[in-house]
N, C-alpha and C. Protein backbone atom coordinates (compact mmCIF):
# COMPACT_ATOMS: atom_id res chain seq x y z
N UNK A 1 -90.43 25.91 78.00
CA UNK A 1 -91.64 26.40 76.68
C UNK A 1 -91.76 28.04 77.14
N UNK A 2 -92.27 28.94 76.45
CA UNK A 2 -92.87 30.34 76.86
C UNK A 2 -93.77 30.69 77.15
N UNK A 3 -94.49 31.52 77.82
CA UNK A 3 -95.65 31.30 78.48
C UNK A 3 -96.55 32.42 77.20
N UNK A 4 -97.19 31.41 76.77
CA UNK A 4 -98.09 31.89 75.74
C UNK A 4 -98.75 33.68 76.37
N UNK A 5 -99.09 33.14 77.25
CA UNK A 5 -99.81 34.76 77.76
C UNK A 5 -99.14 35.85 77.47
N UNK A 6 -97.51 35.26 78.01
CA UNK A 6 -96.68 36.83 78.16
C UNK A 6 -96.65 37.35 76.58
N UNK A 7 -96.04 36.23 76.14
CA UNK A 7 -96.38 36.41 74.39
C UNK A 7 -96.90 37.06 73.81
N UNK A 8 -98.33 36.44 74.09
CA UNK A 8 -99.37 37.42 73.29
C UNK A 8 -99.76 38.57 73.90
N UNK A 9 -99.12 38.96 75.57
CA UNK A 9 -99.50 40.39 75.70
C UNK A 9 -98.15 41.68 75.14
N UNK A 10 -97.09 40.70 75.30
CA UNK A 10 -95.78 41.39 74.82
C UNK A 10 -96.69 42.26 72.84
N UNK A 11 -97.14 41.31 72.14
CA UNK A 11 -96.97 41.33 70.87
C UNK A 11 -98.36 42.43 70.95
N UNK A 12 -99.60 42.34 71.81
CA UNK A 12 -100.34 43.43 71.77
C UNK A 12 -100.12 44.38 72.04
N UNK A 13 -99.04 44.54 72.66
CA UNK A 13 -98.15 46.00 73.29
C UNK A 13 -97.16 46.91 72.09
N UNK A 14 -97.25 45.96 70.92
CA UNK A 14 -95.86 45.57 69.94
C UNK A 14 -96.72 46.59 69.03
N UNK A 15 -97.67 45.80 69.05
CA UNK A 15 -99.19 46.60 67.01
C UNK A 15 -99.42 48.05 67.95
N UNK A 16 -99.50 47.39 69.72
CA UNK A 16 -100.31 49.42 69.75
C UNK A 16 -99.18 50.47 69.85
N UNK A 17 -97.94 50.09 70.42
CA UNK A 17 -96.87 50.86 69.86
C UNK A 17 -96.58 51.17 68.27
N UNK A 18 -96.52 50.47 67.51
CA UNK A 18 -96.39 50.44 65.68
C UNK A 18 -97.99 51.49 65.70
N UNK A 19 -98.84 51.45 66.12
CA UNK A 19 -100.13 51.62 65.90
C UNK A 19 -100.36 53.43 66.17
N UNK A 20 -99.30 53.53 67.84
CA UNK A 20 -99.69 54.60 67.92
C UNK A 20 -98.03 55.83 67.67
N UNK A 21 -97.12 55.02 66.99
CA UNK A 21 -96.26 55.69 65.80
C UNK A 21 -96.34 56.19 64.88
N UNK A 22 -97.63 55.56 64.38
CA UNK A 22 -98.03 55.42 62.61
C UNK A 22 -99.01 56.73 63.01
N UNK A 23 -100.29 56.61 63.54
CA UNK A 23 -100.70 58.09 64.46
C UNK A 23 -99.90 59.06 65.00
N UNK A 24 -98.89 58.69 64.99
CA UNK A 24 -97.65 60.41 65.50
C UNK A 24 -97.05 61.26 64.58
N UNK A 25 -96.98 60.16 63.54
CA UNK A 25 -96.34 60.76 61.64
C UNK A 25 -94.86 59.71 62.37
N UNK A 26 -94.87 59.02 63.03
CA UNK A 26 -93.42 59.04 62.85
C UNK A 26 -92.99 57.47 62.79
N UNK A 27 -92.29 57.75 61.01
CA UNK A 27 -91.94 56.68 60.34
C UNK A 27 -90.60 55.73 61.15
N UNK A 28 -89.91 56.14 62.06
CA UNK A 28 -88.56 55.54 62.54
C UNK A 28 -89.25 54.82 63.73
N UNK A 29 -90.09 55.27 64.45
CA UNK A 29 -91.31 55.03 65.70
C UNK A 29 -91.77 53.63 64.78
N UNK A 30 -92.65 53.78 63.79
CA UNK A 30 -92.86 52.57 62.62
C UNK A 30 -92.19 51.41 63.02
N UNK A 31 -90.70 51.89 62.09
CA UNK A 31 -89.46 50.51 61.91
C UNK A 31 -88.84 50.09 63.07
N UNK A 32 -89.13 50.47 64.01
CA UNK A 32 -88.40 50.78 65.28
C UNK A 32 -89.10 48.70 65.98
N UNK A 33 -90.43 48.98 65.67
CA UNK A 33 -91.50 47.56 66.11
C UNK A 33 -90.85 46.48 64.64
N UNK A 34 -90.18 46.23 64.24
CA UNK A 34 -89.67 45.56 63.62
C UNK A 34 -88.33 44.59 63.52
N UNK A 35 -87.74 43.28 63.64
CA UNK A 35 -86.45 43.04 63.70
C UNK A 35 -85.64 43.33 62.37
N UNK A 36 -84.29 43.85 63.16
CA UNK A 36 -83.18 43.81 62.23
C UNK A 36 -83.27 43.63 60.52
N UNK A 37 -83.19 42.15 60.36
CA UNK A 37 -83.99 41.53 59.20
C UNK A 37 -85.05 41.59 58.57
N UNK A 38 -86.44 41.83 59.26
CA UNK A 38 -87.71 41.70 59.38
C UNK A 38 -87.82 41.78 57.24
N UNK A 39 -88.76 40.76 57.38
CA UNK A 39 -89.07 41.53 56.19
C UNK A 39 -90.80 41.75 55.36
N UNK A 40 -90.88 42.80 54.89
CA UNK A 40 -92.41 43.37 54.85
C UNK A 40 -92.39 43.52 53.57
N UNK A 41 -93.72 42.43 53.12
CA UNK A 41 -94.21 42.75 51.98
C UNK A 41 -95.90 43.73 51.89
N UNK A 42 -95.83 44.48 50.74
CA UNK A 42 -96.91 45.90 51.09
C UNK A 42 -97.20 45.53 49.58
N UNK A 43 -98.66 44.95 49.82
CA UNK A 43 -98.88 44.90 48.09
C UNK A 43 -99.56 46.09 48.20
N UNK A 44 -99.28 46.74 46.65
CA UNK A 44 -98.82 46.38 45.63
C UNK A 44 -97.83 46.71 45.17
N UNK A 45 -97.34 47.51 46.61
CA UNK A 45 -95.94 47.61 46.49
C UNK A 45 -94.66 47.33 46.03
N UNK A 46 -94.19 46.15 47.46
CA UNK A 46 -93.49 45.57 46.68
C UNK A 46 -93.02 45.30 47.96
N UNK A 47 -91.68 44.22 48.38
CA UNK A 47 -91.32 43.92 49.64
C UNK A 47 -89.48 44.19 49.68
N UNK A 48 -89.74 44.65 51.25
CA UNK A 48 -89.36 46.20 51.77
C UNK A 48 -88.21 45.51 53.11
N UNK A 49 -87.09 45.15 53.26
CA UNK A 49 -86.22 44.66 53.86
C UNK A 49 -85.46 44.76 54.47
N UNK A 50 -85.16 44.61 56.08
CA UNK A 50 -84.66 45.31 57.50
C UNK A 50 -85.07 46.93 57.13
N UNK A 51 -85.23 47.40 58.67
CA UNK A 51 -85.15 48.34 59.11
C UNK A 51 -85.37 49.41 58.17
N UNK A 52 -84.40 49.85 57.49
CA UNK A 52 -84.04 51.33 57.00
C UNK A 52 -85.16 51.39 55.77
N UNK A 53 -85.00 49.78 54.80
CA UNK A 53 -85.77 50.24 53.59
C UNK A 53 -87.62 50.52 54.25
N UNK A 54 -88.20 49.79 55.23
CA UNK A 54 -89.24 49.66 55.83
C UNK A 54 -89.73 50.80 56.40
N UNK A 55 -88.20 51.83 57.22
CA UNK A 55 -88.30 53.48 57.42
C UNK A 55 -89.09 53.74 56.37
N UNK A 56 -88.28 54.33 56.27
CA UNK A 56 -88.10 55.01 54.55
C UNK A 56 -89.87 55.02 54.02
N UNK A 57 -90.25 52.95 53.65
CA UNK A 57 -91.58 53.06 53.23
C UNK A 57 -92.53 53.64 53.39
N UNK A 58 -92.80 53.64 55.80
CA UNK A 58 -93.84 54.38 56.27
C UNK A 58 -93.64 55.96 56.25
N UNK A 59 -92.58 56.49 56.40
CA UNK A 59 -91.71 57.82 55.36
C UNK A 59 -93.03 58.45 54.50
N UNK A 60 -93.26 57.60 53.25
CA UNK A 60 -93.70 58.12 52.00
C UNK A 60 -94.74 57.84 52.46
N UNK A 61 -95.76 57.06 52.74
CA UNK A 61 -97.07 56.71 53.29
C UNK A 61 -97.49 58.12 54.32
N UNK A 62 -96.43 58.38 55.35
CA UNK A 62 -97.14 59.83 56.21
C UNK A 62 -96.77 60.91 55.15
N UNK A 63 -95.51 61.18 54.46
CA UNK A 63 -95.20 61.92 53.78
C UNK A 63 -96.64 62.48 52.37
N UNK A 64 -97.03 61.07 51.95
CA UNK A 64 -98.97 61.28 50.82
C UNK A 64 -99.89 61.54 51.96
N UNK A 65 -99.50 62.00 53.32
CA UNK A 65 -100.87 61.69 53.69
C UNK A 65 -101.80 60.84 54.43
N UNK A 66 -100.81 59.74 54.58
CA UNK A 66 -102.23 58.45 55.22
C UNK A 66 -102.39 58.79 56.53
N UNK A 67 -102.69 58.84 57.48
CA UNK A 67 -102.80 58.49 59.05
C UNK A 67 -103.97 57.86 59.85
N UNK A 68 -104.02 57.52 60.96
CA UNK A 68 -104.94 57.50 61.52
C UNK A 68 -105.24 55.72 60.77
N UNK A 69 -104.33 54.79 61.17
CA UNK A 69 -104.85 52.97 60.80
C UNK A 69 -105.79 53.11 62.03
N UNK A 70 -106.31 51.81 61.74
CA UNK A 70 -107.00 51.15 63.28
C UNK A 70 -107.82 50.23 62.98
N UNK A 71 -107.54 48.87 63.05
CA UNK A 71 -107.41 48.07 63.02
C UNK A 71 -109.00 47.35 63.68
N UNK A 72 -109.71 46.08 62.50
CA UNK A 72 -110.75 45.49 62.85
C UNK A 72 -110.65 43.79 62.90
N UNK A 73 -111.72 43.25 62.94
CA UNK A 73 -111.68 41.55 62.82
C UNK A 73 -109.90 40.74 63.23
N UNK A 74 -109.64 42.28 64.76
CA UNK A 74 -108.30 41.18 64.50
C UNK A 74 -108.46 39.82 65.13
N UNK A 75 -107.28 38.92 64.75
CA UNK A 75 -106.96 37.69 65.57
C UNK A 75 -105.76 37.16 65.55
N UNK A 76 -105.83 36.85 66.74
CA UNK A 76 -104.16 36.09 67.56
C UNK A 76 -104.24 34.75 66.92
N UNK A 77 -102.67 34.05 66.50
CA UNK A 77 -102.88 32.65 66.34
C UNK A 77 -101.44 32.04 67.31
N UNK A 78 -101.32 31.22 67.93
CA UNK A 78 -99.83 31.16 68.17
C UNK A 78 -98.87 30.63 67.17
N UNK A 79 -97.72 31.44 66.99
CA UNK A 79 -96.72 30.68 66.21
C UNK A 79 -95.35 30.30 66.89
N UNK A 80 -94.99 28.83 66.73
CA UNK A 80 -94.15 28.54 67.51
C UNK A 80 -94.35 28.33 69.00
N UNK A 81 -93.12 28.54 69.99
CA UNK A 81 -93.13 28.49 70.76
C UNK A 81 -93.10 29.79 71.63
N UNK A 82 -92.30 31.22 70.69
CA UNK A 82 -92.17 32.67 71.48
C UNK A 82 -92.73 32.98 70.12
N UNK A 83 -94.36 33.01 69.60
CA UNK A 83 -94.49 34.33 68.44
C UNK A 83 -95.86 33.90 68.40
N UNK A 84 -97.04 35.18 67.22
CA UNK A 84 -97.90 34.77 67.31
C UNK A 84 -98.17 35.16 65.78
N UNK A 85 -99.06 35.48 65.17
CA UNK A 85 -99.24 35.40 64.26
C UNK A 85 -100.22 36.41 63.78
N UNK A 86 -100.98 37.26 63.50
CA UNK A 86 -101.98 38.80 63.49
C UNK A 86 -102.18 38.63 62.06
N UNK A 87 -103.73 38.57 61.98
CA UNK A 87 -104.47 39.01 61.16
C UNK A 87 -105.39 39.39 61.59
N UNK A 88 -106.12 40.71 60.05
CA UNK A 88 -107.27 41.44 60.36
C UNK A 88 -107.61 42.05 59.15
N UNK A 89 -107.94 42.92 58.90
CA UNK A 89 -108.48 44.27 58.51
C UNK A 89 -108.08 45.19 59.19
N UNK A 90 -108.15 46.65 58.36
CA UNK A 90 -107.62 47.97 58.86
C UNK A 90 -107.98 49.11 57.87
N UNK A 91 -107.84 49.94 58.73
CA UNK A 91 -108.26 51.28 57.51
C UNK A 91 -107.87 51.99 57.82
N UNK A 92 -107.36 53.14 57.16
CA UNK A 92 -106.31 54.74 57.52
C UNK A 92 -107.46 56.01 56.40
N UNK A 93 -107.25 56.79 56.89
CA UNK A 93 -107.58 58.20 56.16
C UNK A 93 -108.24 57.81 54.70
N UNK A 94 -107.12 57.01 54.03
CA UNK A 94 -107.38 57.46 52.65
C UNK A 94 -107.11 56.16 52.51
N UNK A 95 -107.00 54.96 53.07
CA UNK A 95 -107.51 53.81 52.11
C UNK A 95 -107.65 52.46 53.73
N UNK A 96 -107.80 51.64 52.52
CA UNK A 96 -108.54 50.08 53.79
C UNK A 96 -107.32 49.21 52.88
N UNK A 97 -107.94 47.87 53.54
CA UNK A 97 -107.57 46.65 53.23
C UNK A 97 -106.89 45.67 54.35
N UNK A 98 -106.15 44.36 53.67
CA UNK A 98 -105.75 42.90 55.00
C UNK A 98 -104.36 43.24 55.48
N UNK A 99 -104.60 42.62 56.79
CA UNK A 99 -103.21 41.72 57.21
C UNK A 99 -103.69 40.64 56.95
N UNK A 100 -102.23 40.49 55.87
CA UNK A 100 -102.78 39.00 55.37
C UNK A 100 -102.10 38.26 56.74
N UNK A 101 -100.98 38.48 57.63
CA UNK A 101 -99.53 38.03 57.79
C UNK A 101 -98.73 38.95 58.78
N UNK A 102 -98.63 39.32 60.08
CA UNK A 102 -98.04 39.74 61.12
C UNK A 102 -97.12 38.89 61.78
N UNK A 103 -95.87 38.44 61.67
CA UNK A 103 -95.16 37.68 62.73
C UNK A 103 -94.44 38.11 63.77
N UNK A 104 -95.19 38.56 64.87
CA UNK A 104 -94.81 38.87 66.68
C UNK A 104 -93.83 38.05 66.88
N UNK A 105 -92.61 37.83 67.09
CA UNK A 105 -92.03 37.70 67.73
C UNK A 105 -91.07 37.36 68.79
N UNK A 106 -91.72 37.31 69.91
CA UNK A 106 -91.05 37.34 71.55
C UNK A 106 -89.33 37.63 71.28
N UNK A 107 -88.69 38.74 72.81
CA UNK A 107 -87.19 38.90 71.82
C UNK A 107 -86.84 38.88 73.62
N UNK A 108 -85.32 39.04 73.33
CA UNK A 108 -84.79 38.03 74.58
C UNK A 108 -85.29 39.80 75.76
N UNK A 109 -85.37 40.43 75.49
CA UNK A 109 -85.74 41.68 76.74
C UNK A 109 -87.52 41.34 77.29
N UNK A 110 -88.16 40.25 76.37
CA UNK A 110 -89.75 40.39 76.96
C UNK A 110 -90.44 41.00 75.35
N UNK A 111 -89.77 41.51 75.53
CA UNK A 111 -91.07 42.90 73.93
C UNK A 111 -90.81 42.02 73.08
N UNK A 112 -92.05 42.04 71.81
CA UNK A 112 -92.22 41.65 71.09
C UNK A 112 -92.03 42.68 69.63
N UNK A 113 -91.31 41.64 68.37
CA UNK A 113 -91.08 42.75 67.10
C UNK A 113 -90.98 41.89 65.83
N UNK A 114 -92.13 42.34 65.33
CA UNK A 114 -92.41 42.24 63.85
C UNK A 114 -91.22 41.69 63.27
N UNK A 115 -91.17 39.98 63.08
CA UNK A 115 -90.23 39.62 62.01
C UNK A 115 -90.85 39.27 60.58
N UNK A 116 -91.83 39.68 60.33
CA UNK A 116 -92.45 39.34 59.22
C UNK A 116 -93.77 39.97 58.97
N UNK A 117 -94.25 40.28 57.99
CA UNK A 117 -95.38 41.56 57.58
C UNK A 117 -95.89 41.65 56.29
N UNK A 118 -96.98 41.04 56.41
CA UNK A 118 -97.47 41.39 54.44
C UNK A 118 -98.82 41.49 54.60
N UNK A 119 -98.99 42.54 53.92
CA UNK A 119 -100.62 43.58 54.43
C UNK A 119 -100.69 43.85 53.03
N UNK A 120 -101.95 44.37 52.28
CA UNK A 120 -102.47 44.44 50.82
C UNK A 120 -103.56 46.35 51.33
N UNK A 121 -103.03 46.74 50.53
CA UNK A 121 -104.32 48.42 50.14
C UNK A 121 -104.73 47.62 49.41
N UNK A 122 -105.74 46.87 49.42
CA UNK A 122 -107.82 46.68 48.76
C UNK A 122 -108.11 47.96 47.33
N UNK A 123 -108.23 49.51 48.88
CA UNK A 123 -108.86 50.04 47.77
C UNK A 123 -108.63 51.63 48.89
N UNK A 124 -108.87 52.80 47.91
CA UNK A 124 -109.82 53.85 48.28
C UNK A 124 -110.51 54.59 49.45
N UNK A 125 -110.12 55.25 50.09
CA UNK A 125 -111.80 55.74 51.01
C UNK A 125 -111.39 57.77 50.73
């Protein structure tokens, strides 16, 4: 059985890398935090599958002037022996919403990547 503390630490480090990439306006860095075949449900925009589609989505969001993402009320729930589900609220400079379900899965090298991402934009700021 995998050490849940190590898995949680890897997931927390990965979300920090994603947030840092987004806030640095680095769409490729955002996409690199997803598994190759990850599925991202971005409500109301649609579903994006694989790093290429996911990177294109984040690039458009960045190009549209969105930045400064921050998370509030973050909760981590174990998922199987090798992952965690993150749920939270989030804010950006021009929008806010919720993360319904981010599945961070432990990789062979000990890092964590997003296997599935389901979030929603609930309004503008």
